[in-house]
Amino acid sequence: MIKDEGGSSNEDCVYVKLVSAEGYEMFVQRDIAIAGSTTMKAMLEGQFRESEDNVIRFPDISGIVLEKVVQYLHYKVKHSKSSGRLPEFPIQPEIALELCVAANYLQC
């Protein structure tokens, strides 16, 4: 279980651990994961093991793609209230298809 420094409960947990297909681990703020992905929100707020452990495993998403998803979640939160033109979110052509599949699954 991942807790903040105060040892608070799961609902107060600041970070969620995301684990890629290869076992790479990355951390994202819980509120960013919930705000950015409908799938992660359901996992973290529903009656799932992920909501208790604050760990989400993605056996079908590679580390490089999961890292890009985390970058996008931060981008999405940062620019969610922007009214002007948004800066481009760079995506390498080599991972574009796999990233689209992951984004579709995660609904982000």
C-alpha atoms as a PDB file:
ATOM      1  CA  MET A   1       0.000   0.000   0.000  1.00  0.00           C
ATOM      2  CA  ILE A   2       1.299   3.455  -0.849  1.00  0.00           C
ATOM      3  CA  LYS A   3       0.631   6.021   1.831  1.00  0.00           C
ATOM      4  CA  ASP A   4       1.582   9.601   2.247  1.00  0.00           C
ATOM      5  CA  GLU A   5       3.992  10.556   5.009  1.00  0.00           C
ATOM      6  CA  GLY A   6       1.178  10.839   7.552  1.00  0.00           C
ATOM      7  CA  GLY A   7       0.174   7.181   7.089  1.00  0.00           C
ATOM      8  CA  SER A   8      -3.355   8.063   6.031  1.00  0.00           C
ATOM      9  CA  SER A   9      -5.993   5.722   4.610  1.00  0.00           C
ATOM     10  CA  ASN A  10      -6.302   4.623   0.972  1.00  0.00           C
ATOM     11  CA  GLU A  11      -8.763   7.367   0.099  1.00  0.00           C
ATOM     12  CA  ASP A  12      -6.262   9.952   1.328  1.00  0.00           C
ATOM     13  CA  CYS A  13      -3.329   8.310  -0.451  1.00  0.00           C
ATOM     14  CA  VAL A  14      -1.433  10.800  -2.550  1.00  0.00           C
ATOM     15  CA  TYR A  15       0.140   8.454  -5.110  1.00  0.00           C
ATOM     16  CA  VAL A  16      -0.845   5.425  -7.136  1.00  0.00           C
ATOM     17  CA  LYS A  17       1.718   2.953  -8.447  1.00  0.00           C
ATOM     18  CA  LEU A  18       1.309   1.945 -12.087  1.00  0.00           C
ATOM     19  CA  VAL A  19       3.079  -1.227 -13.212  1.00  0.00           C
ATOM     20  CA  SER A  20       3.790  -1.900 -16.901  1.00  0.00           C
ATOM     21  CA  ALA A  21       3.899  -5.223 -18.733  1.00  0.00           C
ATOM     22  CA  GLU A  22       7.659  -5.490 -18.132  1.00  0.00           C
ATOM     23  CA  GLY A  23       7.305  -4.655 -14.450  1.00  0.00           C
ATOM     24  CA  TYR A  24       8.427  -1.034 -14.643  1.00  0.00           C
ATOM     25  CA  GLU A  25       6.881   0.970 -11.831  1.00  0.00           C
ATOM     26  CA  MET A  26       5.904   4.608 -11.995  1.00  0.00           C
ATOM     27  CA  PHE A  27       3.972   6.768  -9.609  1.00  0.00           C
ATOM     28  CA  VAL A  28       1.266   9.275 -10.413  1.00  0.00           C
ATOM     29  CA  GLN A  29      -0.771  11.445  -8.112  1.00  0.00           C
ATOM     30  CA  ARG A  30      -4.060   9.743  -7.320  1.00  0.00           C
ATOM     31  CA  ASP A  31      -6.144  12.813  -8.195  1.00  0.00           C
ATOM     32  CA  ILE A  32      -4.428  13.108 -11.595  1.00  0.00           C
ATOM     33  CA  ALA A  33      -5.079   9.419 -12.374  1.00  0.00           C
ATOM     34  CA  ILE A  34      -8.741   9.769 -11.379  1.00  0.00           C
ATOM     35  CA  ALA A  35      -9.260  13.014 -13.291  1.00  0.00           C
ATOM     36  CA  GLY A  36      -7.451  11.839 -16.413  1.00  0.00           C
ATOM     37  CA  SER A  37      -8.694   8.294 -16.973  1.00  0.00           C
ATOM     38  CA  THR A  38     -12.209   6.908 -16.638  1.00  0.00           C
ATOM     39  CA  THR A  39     -10.790   3.390 -16.357  1.00  0.00           C
ATOM     40  CA  MET A  40      -8.351   4.285 -13.581  1.00  0.00           C
ATOM     41  CA  LYS A  41     -11.093   6.225 -11.796  1.00  0.00           C
ATOM     42  CA  ALA A  42     -13.323   3.129 -11.802  1.00  0.00           C
ATOM     43  CA  MET A  43     -10.463   0.963 -10.527  1.00  0.00           C
ATOM     44  CA  LEU A  44      -9.496   3.375  -7.748  1.00  0.00           C
ATOM     45  CA  GLU A  45     -12.987   4.315  -6.596  1.00  0.00           C
ATOM     46  CA  GLY A  46     -14.772   0.986  -7.085  1.00  0.00           C
ATOM     47  CA  GLN A  47     -14.759  -2.302  -5.236  1.00  0.00           C
ATOM     48  CA  PHE A  48     -11.529  -3.489  -6.825  1.00  0.00           C
ATOM     49  CA  ARG A  49      -8.219  -4.614  -5.362  1.00  0.00           C
ATOM     50  CA  GLU A  50      -6.616  -1.552  -6.959  1.00  0.00           C
ATOM     51  CA  SER A  51      -8.676   0.735  -4.735  1.00  0.00           C
ATOM     52  CA  GLU A  52      -7.315  -1.028  -1.648  1.00  0.00           C
ATOM     53  CA  ASP A  53      -3.692  -1.436  -2.756  1.00  0.00           C
ATOM     54  CA  ASN A  54      -3.294   1.788  -4.788  1.00  0.00           C
ATOM     55  CA  VAL A  55      -1.422  -0.320  -7.337  1.00  0.00           C
ATOM     56  CA  ILE A  56      -2.670  -0.781 -10.906  1.00  0.00           C
ATOM     57  CA  ARG A  57      -1.027  -3.414 -13.085  1.00  0.00           C
ATOM     58  CA  PHE A  58      -1.208  -3.114 -16.856  1.00  0.00           C
ATOM     59  CA  PRO A  59      -0.027  -6.458 -18.294  1.00  0.00           C
ATOM     60  CA  ASP A  60      -0.759  -5.329 -21.856  1.00  0.00           C
ATOM     61  CA  ILE A  61       0.838  -1.863 -21.764  1.00  0.00           C
ATOM     62  CA  SER A  62       4.590  -1.489 -22.253  1.00  0.00           C
ATOM     63  CA  GLY A  63       6.693   0.725 -20.023  1.00  0.00           C
ATOM     64  CA  ILE A  64       7.423   3.323 -22.697  1.00  0.00           C
ATOM     65  CA  VAL A  65       3.720   3.629 -23.551  1.00  0.00           C
ATOM     66  CA  LEU A  66       2.669   3.785 -19.897  1.00  0.00           C
ATOM     67  CA  GLU A  67       5.238   6.524 -19.302  1.00  0.00           C
ATOM     68  CA  LYS A  68       3.750   8.500 -22.206  1.00  0.00           C
ATOM     69  CA  VAL A  69       0.255   7.979 -20.760  1.00  0.00           C
ATOM     70  CA  VAL A  70       1.436   9.438 -17.433  1.00  0.00           C
ATOM     71  CA  GLN A  71       2.944  12.408 -19.285  1.00  0.00           C
ATOM     72  CA  TYR A  72      -0.378  12.913 -21.075  1.00  0.00           C
ATOM     73  CA  LEU A  73      -2.352  12.770 -17.820  1.00  0.00           C
ATOM     74  CA  HIS A  74      -0.196  15.610 -16.471  1.00  0.00           C
ATOM     75  CA  TYR A  75      -0.574  17.515 -19.762  1.00  0.00           C
ATOM     76  CA  LYS A  76      -4.358  17.053 -19.641  1.00  0.00           C
ATOM     77  CA  VAL A  77      -4.636  18.379 -16.076  1.00  0.00           C
ATOM     78  CA  LYS A  78      -2.269  21.280 -16.764  1.00  0.00           C
ATOM     79  CA  HIS A  79      -4.223  22.436 -19.811  1.00  0.00           C
ATOM     80  CA  SER A  80      -7.767  21.464 -18.770  1.00  0.00           C
ATOM     81  CA  LYS A  81      -8.807  25.058 -18.095  1.00  0.00           C
ATOM     82  CA  SER A  82      -6.968  26.634 -21.002  1.00  0.00           C
ATOM     83  CA  SER A  83      -9.093  28.691 -23.320  1.00  0.00           C
ATOM     84  CA  GLY A  84      -6.452  29.403 -25.924  1.00  0.00           C
ATOM     85  CA  ARG A  85      -4.534  27.208 -28.301  1.00  0.00           C
ATOM     86  CA  LEU A  86      -3.007  24.163 -26.614  1.00  0.00           C
ATOM     87  CA  PRO A  87       0.651  23.312 -27.119  1.00  0.00           C
ATOM     88  CA  GLU A  88       1.334  20.197 -29.138  1.00  0.00           C
ATOM     89  CA  PHE A  89       1.686  16.951 -27.207  1.00  0.00           C
ATOM     90  CA  PRO A  90       4.589  15.149 -28.872  1.00  0.00           C
ATOM     91  CA  ILE A  91       4.146  11.472 -29.747  1.00  0.00           C
ATOM     92  CA  GLN A  92       6.869   9.382 -31.360  1.00  0.00           C
ATOM     93  CA  PRO A  93       5.566   7.633 -34.483  1.00  0.00           C
ATOM     94  CA  GLU A  94       7.034   4.316 -33.277  1.00  0.00           C
ATOM     95  CA  ILE A  95       4.615   4.157 -30.317  1.00  0.00           C
ATOM     96  CA  ALA A  96       1.614   5.955 -31.815  1.00  0.00           C
ATOM     97  CA  LEU A  97      -0.501   2.870 -32.527  1.00  0.00           C
ATOM     98  CA  GLU A  98       0.220   1.204 -29.178  1.00  0.00           C
ATOM     99  CA  LEU A  99      -0.461   4.530 -27.432  1.00  0.00           C
ATOM    100  CA  CYS A 100      -3.850   4.838 -29.177  1.00  0.00           C
ATOM    101  CA  VAL A 101      -4.797   1.341 -28.009  1.00  0.00           C
ATOM    102  CA  ALA A 102      -3.751   2.178 -24.422  1.00  0.00           C
ATOM    103  CA  ALA A 103      -5.596   5.524 -24.490  1.00  0.00           C
ATOM    104  CA  ASN A 104      -8.729   3.781 -25.732  1.00  0.00           C
ATOM    105  CA  TYR A 105      -8.542   1.182 -22.953  1.00  0.00           C
ATOM    106  CA  LEU A 106      -7.827   3.808 -20.293  1.00  0.00           C
ATOM    107  CA  GLN A 107     -10.411   6.219 -21.706  1.00  0.00           C
ATOM    108  CA  CYS A 108      -8.119   9.213 -21.366  1.00  0.00           C
END
